[in-house]
Amino acid sequence: MAVDLELRIRRLTIDEALPKLDRYLNAAFMAGLPSVRIVHGKGTGVLRKAVHETLAENPLVKSFRYGDWGEGGAGVTIVELANQ
Protein backbone atom coordinates (compact mmCIF):
# COMPACT_ATOMS: atom_id res chain seq x y z
CA MET A 1 0.00 0.00 0.00
CA ALA A 2 1.43 3.35 -1.04
CA VAL A 3 1.51 6.05 1.63
CA ASP A 4 1.91 9.73 0.77
CA LEU A 5 4.89 11.58 2.21
CA GLU A 6 2.54 14.32 3.39
CA LEU A 7 -0.67 14.55 5.40
CA ARG A 8 -2.78 17.68 4.93
CA ILE A 9 -5.03 18.48 7.87
CA ARG A 10 -5.42 22.24 7.43
CA ARG A 11 -8.88 23.57 8.23
CA LEU A 12 -9.89 20.43 10.14
CA THR A 13 -11.00 20.51 13.74
CA ILE A 14 -8.81 18.81 16.33
CA ASP A 15 -11.42 16.04 16.64
CA GLU A 16 -11.24 15.45 12.88
CA ALA A 17 -7.47 15.82 12.53
CA LEU A 18 -6.03 13.72 15.36
CA PRO A 19 -7.59 10.38 14.34
CA LYS A 20 -6.36 10.97 10.76
CA LEU A 21 -2.91 11.78 12.10
CA ASP A 22 -2.82 8.58 14.16
CA ARG A 23 -3.89 6.39 11.21
CA TYR A 24 -1.40 8.16 8.93
CA LEU A 25 1.54 7.70 11.31
CA ASN A 26 0.75 4.00 11.66
CA ALA A 27 0.53 3.56 7.87
CA ALA A 28 3.73 5.55 7.25
CA PHE A 29 5.61 3.51 9.86
CA MET A 30 4.36 0.21 8.41
CA ALA A 31 5.36 1.39 4.92
CA GLY A 32 8.89 2.01 6.20
CA LEU A 33 8.96 5.75 5.54
CA PRO A 34 11.83 7.47 7.37
CA SER A 35 10.08 10.85 7.63
CA VAL A 36 6.82 12.57 6.73
CA ARG A 37 5.33 16.08 6.55
CA ILE A 38 2.24 17.14 8.45
CA VAL A 39 0.61 20.25 6.94
CA HIS A 40 -1.50 21.83 9.69
CA GLY A 41 -1.28 25.48 8.67
CA LYS A 42 -0.38 28.45 10.83
CA GLY A 43 -3.77 29.88 11.84
CA THR A 44 -4.24 30.37 15.57
CA GLY A 45 -1.80 27.60 16.43
CA VAL A 46 -4.39 25.44 18.21
CA LEU A 47 -4.20 22.58 15.70
CA ARG A 48 -0.38 22.76 15.56
CA LYS A 49 -0.22 22.55 19.36
CA ALA A 50 -2.53 19.51 19.42
CA VAL A 51 -0.48 17.83 16.67
CA HIS A 52 2.78 18.43 18.55
CA GLU A 53 1.30 17.10 21.81
CA THR A 54 0.15 13.97 19.98
CA LEU A 55 3.51 13.49 18.27
CA ALA A 56 5.37 13.85 21.57
CA GLU A 57 3.40 10.92 23.03
CA ASN A 58 3.50 8.63 19.97
CA PRO A 59 6.07 5.79 20.23
CA LEU A 60 6.40 5.66 16.43
CA VAL A 61 7.83 9.21 16.38
CA LYS A 62 11.57 9.62 16.87
CA SER A 63 11.56 13.42 16.59
CA PHE A 64 9.72 16.34 15.00
CA ARG A 65 10.37 19.95 14.11
CA TYR A 66 8.84 22.91 12.32
CA GLY A 67 9.48 23.09 8.62
CA ASP A 68 12.46 25.16 7.57
CA TRP A 69 12.29 28.00 5.10
CA GLY A 70 11.11 26.47 1.84
CA GLU A 71 9.44 23.54 3.68
CA GLY A 72 6.42 25.48 4.93
CA GLY A 73 7.79 27.08 8.09
CA ALA A 74 5.52 27.00 11.13
CA GLY A 75 2.62 25.71 9.01
CA VAL A 76 4.32 22.35 8.57
CA THR A 77 5.81 19.81 10.96
CA ILE A 78 8.50 17.42 9.74
CA VAL A 79 8.33 14.10 11.57
CA GLU A 80 11.17 11.59 11.74
CA LEU A 81 9.74 8.15 12.39
CA ALA A 82 11.30 5.58 14.68
CA ASN A 83 13.36 2.79 13.13
CA GLN A 84 11.53 -0.46 12.52
PDB file of N, CA and C in Angstrom:
ATOM      1  N   MET A   1       0.844  -1.190   0.000  1.00  0.00           N
ATOM      2  CA  MET A   1       0.000   0.000   0.000  1.00  0.00           C
ATOM      3  C   MET A   1       0.883   1.244   0.000  1.00  0.00           C
ATOM      4  N   ALA A   2       0.652   2.124  -0.948  1.00  0.00           N
ATOM      5  CA  ALA A   2       1.435   3.351  -1.039  1.00  0.00           C
ATOM      6  C   ALA A   2       0.919   4.368  -0.027  1.00  0.00           C
ATOM      7  N   VAL A   3       1.853   5.020   0.638  1.00  0.00           N
ATOM      8  CA  VAL A   3       1.510   6.046   1.627  1.00  0.00           C
ATOM      9  C   VAL A   3       2.153   7.350   1.178  1.00  0.00           C
ATOM     10  N   ASP A   4       1.371   8.420   1.142  1.00  0.00           N
ATOM     11  CA  ASP A   4       1.907   9.731   0.770  1.00  0.00           C
ATOM     12  C   ASP A   4       2.955  10.178   1.783  1.00  0.00           C
ATOM     13  N   LEU A   5       3.863  11.016   1.330  1.00  0.00           N
ATOM     14  CA  LEU A   5       4.895  11.575   2.206  1.00  0.00           C
ATOM     15  C   LEU A   5       4.370  12.751   3.012  1.00  0.00           C
ATOM     16  N   GLU A   6       3.095  13.131   2.755  1.00  0.00           N
ATOM     17  CA  GLU A   6       2.543  14.323   3.391  1.00  0.00           C
ATOM     18  C   GLU A   6       1.083  14.089   3.773  1.00  0.00           C
ATOM     19  N   LEU A   7       0.722  14.564   4.957  1.00  0.00           N
ATOM     20  CA  LEU A   7      -0.673  14.545   5.404  1.00  0.00           C
ATOM     21  C   LEU A   7      -1.134  15.987   5.539  1.00  0.00           C
ATOM     22  N   ARG A   8      -2.227  16.330   4.860  1.00  0.00           N
ATOM     23  CA  ARG A   8      -2.781  17.681   4.928  1.00  0.00           C
ATOM     24  C   ARG A   8      -4.007  17.680   5.830  1.00  0.00           C
ATOM     25  N   ILE A   9      -3.900  18.404   6.934  1.00  0.00           N
ATOM     26  CA  ILE A   9      -5.026  18.477   7.873  1.00  0.00           C
ATOM     27  C   ILE A   9      -5.444  19.913   8.140  1.00  0.00           C
ATOM     28  N   ARG A  10      -5.001  20.835   7.297  1.00  0.00           N
ATOM     29  CA  ARG A  10      -5.418  22.239   7.434  1.00  0.00           C
ATOM     30  C   ARG A  10      -6.928  22.332   7.402  1.00  0.00           C
ATOM     31  N   ARG A  11      -7.448  23.244   8.176  1.00  0.00           N
ATOM     32  CA  ARG A  11      -8.881  23.569   8.234  1.00  0.00           C
ATOM     33  C   ARG A  11      -9.738  22.465   8.848  1.00  0.00           C
ATOM     34  N   LEU A  12      -9.124  21.443   9.422  1.00  0.00           N
ATOM     35  CA  LEU A  12      -9.892  20.427  10.142  1.00  0.00           C
ATOM     36  C   LEU A  12      -9.948  20.811  11.614  1.00  0.00           C
ATOM     37  N   THR A  13     -10.965  20.319  12.294  1.00  0.00           N
ATOM     38  CA  THR A  13     -11.002  20.509  13.735  1.00  0.00           C
ATOM     39  C   THR A  13     -10.021  19.519  14.369  1.00  0.00           C
ATOM     40  N   ILE A  14      -9.699  19.729  15.624  1.00  0.00           N
ATOM     41  CA  ILE A  14      -8.815  18.811  16.334  1.00  0.00           C
ATOM     42  C   ILE A  14      -9.438  17.414  16.356  1.00  0.00           C
ATOM     43  N   ASP A  15     -10.733  17.336  16.592  1.00  0.00           N
ATOM     44  CA  ASP A  15     -11.423  16.041  16.638  1.00  0.00           C
ATOM     45  C   ASP A  15     -11.396  15.318  15.297  1.00  0.00           C
ATOM     46  N   GLU A  16     -11.341  16.056  14.214  1.00  0.00           N
ATOM     47  CA  GLU A  16     -11.238  15.452  12.884  1.00  0.00           C
ATOM     48  C   GLU A  16      -9.788  15.092  12.556  1.00  0.00           C
ATOM     49  N   ALA A  17      -8.870  15.958  12.940  1.00  0.00           N
ATOM     50  CA  ALA A  17      -7.473  15.821  12.529  1.00  0.00           C
ATOM     51  C   ALA A  17      -6.700  14.737  13.276  1.00  0.00           C
ATOM     52  N   LEU A  18      -6.872  14.642  14.585  1.00  0.00           N
ATOM     53  CA  LEU A  18      -6.031  13.720  15.359  1.00  0.00           C
ATOM     54  C   LEU A  18      -6.234  12.244  15.017  1.00  0.00           C
ATOM     55  N   PRO A  19      -7.460  11.774  14.775  1.00  0.00           N
ATOM     56  CA  PRO A  19      -7.587  10.379  14.335  1.00  0.00           C
ATOM     57  C   PRO A  19      -6.928  10.128  12.976  1.00  0.00           C
ATOM     58  N   LYS A  20      -7.030  11.103  12.062  1.00  0.00           N
ATOM     59  CA  LYS A  20      -6.363  10.972  10.764  1.00  0.00           C
ATOM     60  C   LYS A  20      -4.854  10.915  10.944  1.00  0.00           C
ATOM     61  N   LEU A  21      -4.340  11.754  11.826  1.00  0.00           N
ATOM     62  CA  LEU A  21      -2.911  11.777  12.104  1.00  0.00           C
ATOM     63  C   LEU A  21      -2.447  10.429  12.647  1.00  0.00           C
ATOM     64  N   ASP A  22      -3.185   9.872  13.573  1.00  0.00           N
ATOM     65  CA  ASP A  22      -2.820   8.582  14.160  1.00  0.00           C
ATOM     66  C   ASP A  22      -2.793   7.482  13.104  1.00  0.00           C
ATOM     67  N   ARG A  23      -3.835   7.404  12.282  1.00  0.00           N
ATOM     68  CA  ARG A  23      -3.886   6.387  11.212  1.00  0.00           C
ATOM     69  C   ARG A  23      -2.741   6.591  10.223  1.00  0.00           C
ATOM     70  N   TYR A  24      -2.469   7.854   9.884  1.00  0.00           N
ATOM     71  CA  TYR A  24      -1.403   8.160   8.930  1.00  0.00           C
ATOM     72  C   TYR A  24      -0.039   7.754   9.471  1.00  0.00           C
ATOM     73  N   LEU A  25       0.249   8.070  10.726  1.00  0.00           N
ATOM     74  CA  LEU A  25       1.538   7.705  11.309  1.00  0.00           C
ATOM     75  C   LEU A  25       1.725   6.192  11.330  1.00  0.00           C
ATOM     76  N   ASN A  26       0.675   5.460  11.673  1.00  0.00           N
ATOM     77  CA  ASN A  26       0.751   3.998  11.658  1.00  0.00           C
ATOM     78  C   ASN A  26       1.036   3.472  10.253  1.00  0.00           C
ATOM     79  N   ALA A  27       0.333   4.003   9.262  1.00  0.00           N
ATOM     80  CA  ALA A  27       0.526   3.560   7.875  1.00  0.00           C
ATOM     81  C   ALA A  27       1.929   3.915   7.374  1.00  0.00           C
ATOM     82  N   ALA A  28       2.395   5.126   7.694  1.00  0.00           N
ATOM     83  CA  ALA A  28       3.731   5.553   7.255  1.00  0.00           C
ATOM     84  C   ALA A  28       4.815   4.691   7.898  1.00  0.00           C
ATOM     85  N   PHE A  29       4.652   4.372   9.167  1.00  0.00           N
ATOM     86  CA  PHE A  29       5.609   3.514   9.860  1.00  0.00           C
ATOM     87  C   PHE A  29       5.627   2.123   9.235  1.00  0.00           C
ATOM     88  N   MET A  30       4.448   1.557   8.999  1.00  0.00           N
ATOM     89  CA  MET A  30       4.361   0.215   8.414  1.00  0.00           C
ATOM     90  C   MET A  30       4.917   0.192   6.987  1.00  0.00           C
ATOM     91  N   ALA A  31       4.820   1.310   6.282  1.00  0.00           N
ATOM     92  CA  ALA A  31       5.360   1.394   4.922  1.00  0.00           C
ATOM     93  C   ALA A  31       6.874   1.612   4.923  1.00  0.00           C
ATOM     94  N   GLY A  32       7.440   1.836   6.100  1.00  0.00           N
ATOM     95  CA  GLY A  32       8.888   2.007   6.199  1.00  0.00           C
ATOM     96  C   GLY A  32       9.395   3.394   5.838  1.00  0.00           C
ATOM     97  N   LEU A  33       8.521   4.394   5.869  1.00  0.00           N
ATOM     98  CA  LEU A  33       8.963   5.750   5.542  1.00  0.00           C
ATOM     99  C   LEU A  33       9.848   6.294   6.664  1.00  0.00           C
ATOM    100  N   PRO A  34      10.961   6.923   6.333  1.00  0.00           N
ATOM    101  CA  PRO A  34      11.833   7.473   7.372  1.00  0.00           C
ATOM    102  C   PRO A  34      11.317   8.778   7.961  1.00  0.00           C
ATOM    103  N   SER A  35      10.616   9.578   7.142  1.00  0.00           N
ATOM    104  CA  SER A  35      10.078  10.846   7.631  1.00  0.00           C
ATOM    105  C   SER A  35       8.867  11.244   6.800  1.00  0.00           C
ATOM    106  N   VAL A  36       8.036  12.102   7.386  1.00  0.00           N
ATOM    107  CA  VAL A  36       6.815  12.571   6.728  1.00  0.00           C
ATOM    108  C   VAL A  36       6.594  14.040   7.078  1.00  0.00           C
ATOM    109  N   ARG A  37       5.707  14.678   6.317  1.00  0.00           N
ATOM    110  CA  ARG A  37       5.332  16.077   6.554  1.00  0.00           C
ATOM    111  C   ARG A  37       3.874  16.135   6.973  1.00  0.00           C
ATOM    112  N   ILE A  38       3.608  16.902   8.004  1.00  0.00           N
ATOM    113  CA  ILE A  38       2.238  17.143   8.448  1.00  0.00           C
ATOM    114  C   ILE A  38       1.935  18.610   8.173  1.00  0.00           C
ATOM    115  N   VAL A  39       0.984  18.874   7.292  1.00  0.00           N
ATOM    116  CA  VAL A  39       0.608  20.245   6.944  1.00  0.00           C
ATOM    117  C   VAL A  39      -0.625  20.612   7.764  1.00  0.00           C
ATOM    118  N   HIS A  40      -0.410  21.429   8.806  1.00  0.00           N
ATOM    119  CA  HIS A  40      -1.499  21.826   9.692  1.00  0.00           C
ATOM    120  C   HIS A  40      -1.847  23.292   9.549  1.00  0.00           C
ATOM    121  N   GLY A  41      -1.046  24.047   8.842  1.00  0.00           N
ATOM    122  CA  GLY A  41      -1.281  25.477   8.675  1.00  0.00           C
ATOM    123  C   GLY A  41      -0.827  26.267   9.889  1.00  0.00           C
ATOM    124  N   LYS A  42      -0.834  27.582   9.741  1.00  0.00           N
ATOM    125  CA  LYS A  42      -0.382  28.454  10.829  1.00  0.00           C
ATOM    126  C   LYS A  42      -1.554  28.873  11.704  1.00  0.00           C
ATOM    127  N   GLY A  43      -2.546  29.494  11.127  1.00  0.00           N
ATOM    128  CA  GLY A  43      -3.767  29.881  11.843  1.00  0.00           C
ATOM    129  C   GLY A  43      -3.521  30.398  13.250  1.00  0.00           C
ATOM    130  N   THR A  44      -4.355  29.936  14.182  1.00  0.00           N
ATOM    131  CA  THR A  44      -4.244  30.373  15.573  1.00  0.00           C
ATOM    132  C   THR A  44      -3.216  29.558  16.342  1.00  0.00           C
ATOM    133  N   GLY A  45      -2.785  28.445  15.774  1.00  0.00           N
ATOM    134  CA  GLY A  45      -1.796  27.596  16.430  1.00  0.00           C
ATOM    135  C   GLY A  45      -2.395  26.484  17.275  1.00  0.00           C
ATOM    136  N   VAL A  46      -3.731  26.447  17.380  1.00  0.00           N
ATOM    137  CA  VAL A  46      -4.392  25.441  18.214  1.00  0.00           C
ATOM    138  C   VAL A  46      -4.189  24.038  17.639  1.00  0.00           C
ATOM    139  N   LEU A  47      -4.367  23.887  16.334  1.00  0.00           N
ATOM    140  CA  LEU A  47      -4.196  22.579  15.703  1.00  0.00           C
ATOM    141  C   LEU A  47      -2.731  22.153  15.769  1.00  0.00           C
ATOM    142  N   ARG A  48      -1.821  23.069  15.498  1.00  0.00           N
ATOM    143  CA  ARG A  48      -0.383  22.761  15.561  1.00  0.00           C
ATOM    144  C   ARG A  48      -0.009  22.268  16.964  1.00  0.00           C
ATOM    145  N   LYS A  49      -0.515  22.938  17.981  1.00  0.00           N
ATOM    146  CA  LYS A  49      -0.217  22.546  19.360  1.00  0.00           C
ATOM    147  C   LYS A  49      -0.727  21.133  19.643  1.00  0.00           C
ATOM    148  N   ALA A  50      -1.951  20.837  19.211  1.00  0.00           N
ATOM    149  CA  ALA A  50      -2.528  19.505  19.417  1.00  0.00           C
ATOM    150  C   ALA A  50      -1.731  18.446  18.665  1.00  0.00           C
ATOM    151  N   VAL A  51      -1.300  18.768  17.459  1.00  0.00           N
ATOM    152  CA  VAL A  51      -0.481  17.834  16.673  1.00  0.00           C
ATOM    153  C   VAL A  51       0.839  17.567  17.395  1.00  0.00           C
ATOM    154  N   HIS A  52       1.497  18.606  17.871  1.00  0.00           N
ATOM    155  CA  HIS A  52       2.780  18.435  18.554  1.00  0.00           C
ATOM    156  C   HIS A  52       2.632  17.645  19.852  1.00  0.00           C
ATOM    157  N   GLU A  53       1.546  17.875  20.587  1.00  0.00           N
ATOM    158  CA  GLU A  53       1.302  17.102  21.814  1.00  0.00           C
ATOM    159  C   GLU A  53       1.110  15.620  21.485  1.00  0.00           C
ATOM    160  N   THR A  54       0.384  15.354  20.403  1.00  0.00           N
ATOM    161  CA  THR A  54       0.147  13.973  19.975  1.00  0.00           C
ATOM    162  C   THR A  54       1.447  13.315  19.518  1.00  0.00           C
ATOM    163  N   LEU A  55       2.245  14.037  18.752  1.00  0.00           N
ATOM    164  CA  LEU A  55       3.514  13.492  18.267  1.00  0.00           C
ATOM    165  C   LEU A  55       4.463  13.179  19.424  1.00  0.00           C
ATOM    166  N   ALA A  56       4.468  14.034  20.433  1.00  0.00           N
ATOM    167  CA  ALA A  56       5.369  13.855  21.571  1.00  0.00           C
ATOM    168  C   ALA A  56       5.062  12.573  22.343  1.00  0.00           C
ATOM    169  N   GLU A  57       3.821  12.116  22.289  1.00  0.00           N
ATOM    170  CA  GLU A  57       3.402  10.922  23.027  1.00  0.00           C
ATOM    171  C   GLU A  57       3.397   9.653  22.179  1.00  0.00           C
ATOM    172  N   ASN A  58       3.616   9.784  20.869  1.00  0.00           N
ATOM    173  CA  ASN A  58       3.504   8.632  19.970  1.00  0.00           C
ATOM    174  C   ASN A  58       4.826   7.867  19.910  1.00  0.00           C
ATOM    175  N   PRO A  59       4.828   6.569  20.240  1.00  0.00           N
ATOM    176  CA  PRO A  59       6.074   5.795  20.233  1.00  0.00           C
ATOM    177  C   PRO A  59       6.655   5.568  18.839  1.00  0.00           C
ATOM    178  N   LEU A  60       5.891   5.825  17.789  1.00  0.00           N
ATOM    179  CA  LEU A  60       6.405   5.665  16.427  1.00  0.00           C
ATOM    180  C   LEU A  60       7.210   6.873  15.971  1.00  0.00           C
ATOM    181  N   VAL A  61       7.168   7.953  16.742  1.00  0.00           N
ATOM    182  CA  VAL A  61       7.830   9.210  16.380  1.00  0.00           C
ATOM    183  C   VAL A  61       9.171   9.317  17.096  1.00  0.00           C
ATOM    184  N   LYS A  62      10.226   9.441  16.303  1.00  0.00           N
ATOM    185  CA  LYS A  62      11.567   9.616  16.869  1.00  0.00           C
ATOM    186  C   LYS A  62      11.793  11.083  17.240  1.00  0.00           C
ATOM    187  N   SER A  63      11.422  11.989  16.331  1.00  0.00           N
ATOM    188  CA  SER A  63      11.560  13.422  16.591  1.00  0.00           C
ATOM    189  C   SER A  63      10.666  14.187  15.620  1.00  0.00           C
ATOM    190  N   PHE A  64      10.481  15.481  15.910  1.00  0.00           N
ATOM    191  CA  PHE A  64       9.719  16.335  15.001  1.00  0.00           C
ATOM    192  C   PHE A  64      10.191  17.766  15.166  1.00  0.00           C
ATOM    193  N   ARG A  65       9.944  18.554  14.110  1.00  0.00           N
ATOM    194  CA  ARG A  65      10.370  19.955  14.107  1.00  0.00           C
ATOM    195  C   ARG A  65       9.489  20.731  13.144  1.00  0.00           C
ATOM    196  N   TYR A  66       9.508  22.060  13.304  1.00  0.00           N
ATOM    197  CA  TYR A  66       8.843  22.909  12.322  1.00  0.00           C
ATOM    198  C   TYR A  66       9.573  22.795  11.000  1.00  0.00           C
ATOM    199  N   GLY A  67       8.845  23.043   9.929  1.00  0.00           N
ATOM    200  CA  GLY A  67       9.478  23.087   8.623  1.00  0.00           C
ATOM    201  C   GLY A  67      10.434  24.268   8.539  1.00  0.00           C
ATOM    202  N   ASP A  68      11.511  24.073   7.825  1.00  0.00           N
ATOM    203  CA  ASP A  68      12.458  25.156   7.574  1.00  0.00           C
ATOM    204  C   ASP A  68      11.904  26.073   6.490  1.00  0.00           C
ATOM    205  N   TRP A  69      12.649  27.129   6.197  1.00  0.00           N
ATOM    206  CA  TRP A  69      12.288  28.004   5.095  1.00  0.00           C
ATOM    207  C   TRP A  69      12.268  27.150   3.839  1.00  0.00           C
ATOM    208  N   GLY A  70      11.244  27.272   3.043  1.00  0.00           N
ATOM    209  CA  GLY A  70      11.111  26.468   1.842  1.00  0.00           C
ATOM    210  C   GLY A  70      10.398  25.136   2.079  1.00  0.00           C
ATOM    211  N   GLU A  71      10.165  24.770   3.355  1.00  0.00           N
ATOM    212  CA  GLU A  71       9.437  23.543   3.681  1.00  0.00           C
ATOM    213  C   GLU A  71       8.034  23.848   4.201  1.00  0.00           C
ATOM    214  N   GLY A  72       7.731  25.108   4.422  1.00  0.00           N
ATOM    215  CA  GLY A  72       6.423  25.483   4.933  1.00  0.00           C
ATOM    216  C   GLY A  72       6.464  26.199   6.268  1.00  0.00           C
ATOM    217  N   GLY A  73       7.658  26.349   6.830  1.00  0.00           N
ATOM    218  CA  GLY A  73       7.795  27.084   8.087  1.00  0.00           C
ATOM    219  C   GLY A  73       6.931  26.517   9.195  1.00  0.00           C
ATOM    220  N   ALA A  74       6.316  27.401   9.974  1.00  0.00           N
ATOM    221  CA  ALA A  74       5.516  26.999  11.133  1.00  0.00           C
ATOM    222  C   ALA A  74       4.182  26.357  10.743  1.00  0.00           C
ATOM    223  N   GLY A  75       3.855  26.349   9.469  1.00  0.00           N
ATOM    224  CA  GLY A  75       2.619  25.713   9.013  1.00  0.00           C
ATOM    225  C   GLY A  75       2.774  24.226   8.738  1.00  0.00           C
ATOM    226  N   VAL A  76       4.012  23.744   8.875  1.00  0.00           N
ATOM    227  CA  VAL A  76       4.323  22.346   8.574  1.00  0.00           C
ATOM    228  C   VAL A  76       5.176  21.773   9.702  1.00  0.00           C
ATOM    229  N   THR A  77       4.945  20.526  10.032  1.00  0.00           N
ATOM    230  CA  THR A  77       5.808  19.812  10.963  1.00  0.00           C
ATOM    231  C   THR A  77       6.437  18.641  10.232  1.00  0.00           C
ATOM    232  N   ILE A  78       7.751  18.534  10.332  1.00  0.00           N
ATOM    233  CA  ILE A  78       8.501  17.425   9.744  1.00  0.00           C
ATOM    234  C   ILE A  78       8.685  16.385  10.847  1.00  0.00           C
ATOM    235  N   VAL A  79       8.282  15.164  10.570  1.00  0.00           N
ATOM    236  CA  VAL A  79       8.329  14.095  11.573  1.00  0.00           C
ATOM    237  C   VAL A  79       9.313  13.032  11.121  1.00  0.00           C
ATOM    238  N   GLU A  80      10.260  12.713  11.992  1.00  0.00           N
ATOM    239  CA  GLU A  80      11.170  11.590  11.745  1.00  0.00           C
ATOM    240  C   GLU A  80      10.599  10.402  12.504  1.00  0.00           C
ATOM    241  N   LEU A  81      10.339   9.325  11.774  1.00  0.00           N
ATOM    242  CA  LEU A  81       9.745   8.153  12.386  1.00  0.00           C
ATOM    243  C   LEU A  81      10.801   7.252  13.006  1.00  0.00           C
ATOM    244  N   ALA A  82      10.402   6.500  14.007  1.00  0.00           N
ATOM    245  CA  ALA A  82      11.301   5.575  14.678  1.00  0.00           C
ATOM    246  C   ALA A  82      11.729   4.478  13.700  1.00  0.00           C
ATOM    247  N   ASN A  83      12.890   3.888  13.958  1.00  0.00           N
ATOM    248  CA  ASN A  83      13.363   2.786  13.128  1.00  0.00           C
ATOM    249  C   ASN A  83      12.526   1.542  13.403  1.00  0.00           C
ATOM    250  N   GLN A  84      12.323   0.760  12.360  1.00  0.00           N
ATOM    251  CA  GLN A  84      11.532  -0.457  12.523  1.00  0.00           C
ATOM    252  C   GLN A  84      12.335  -1.580  13.100  1.00  0.00           C
TER     253      GLN A  84
END
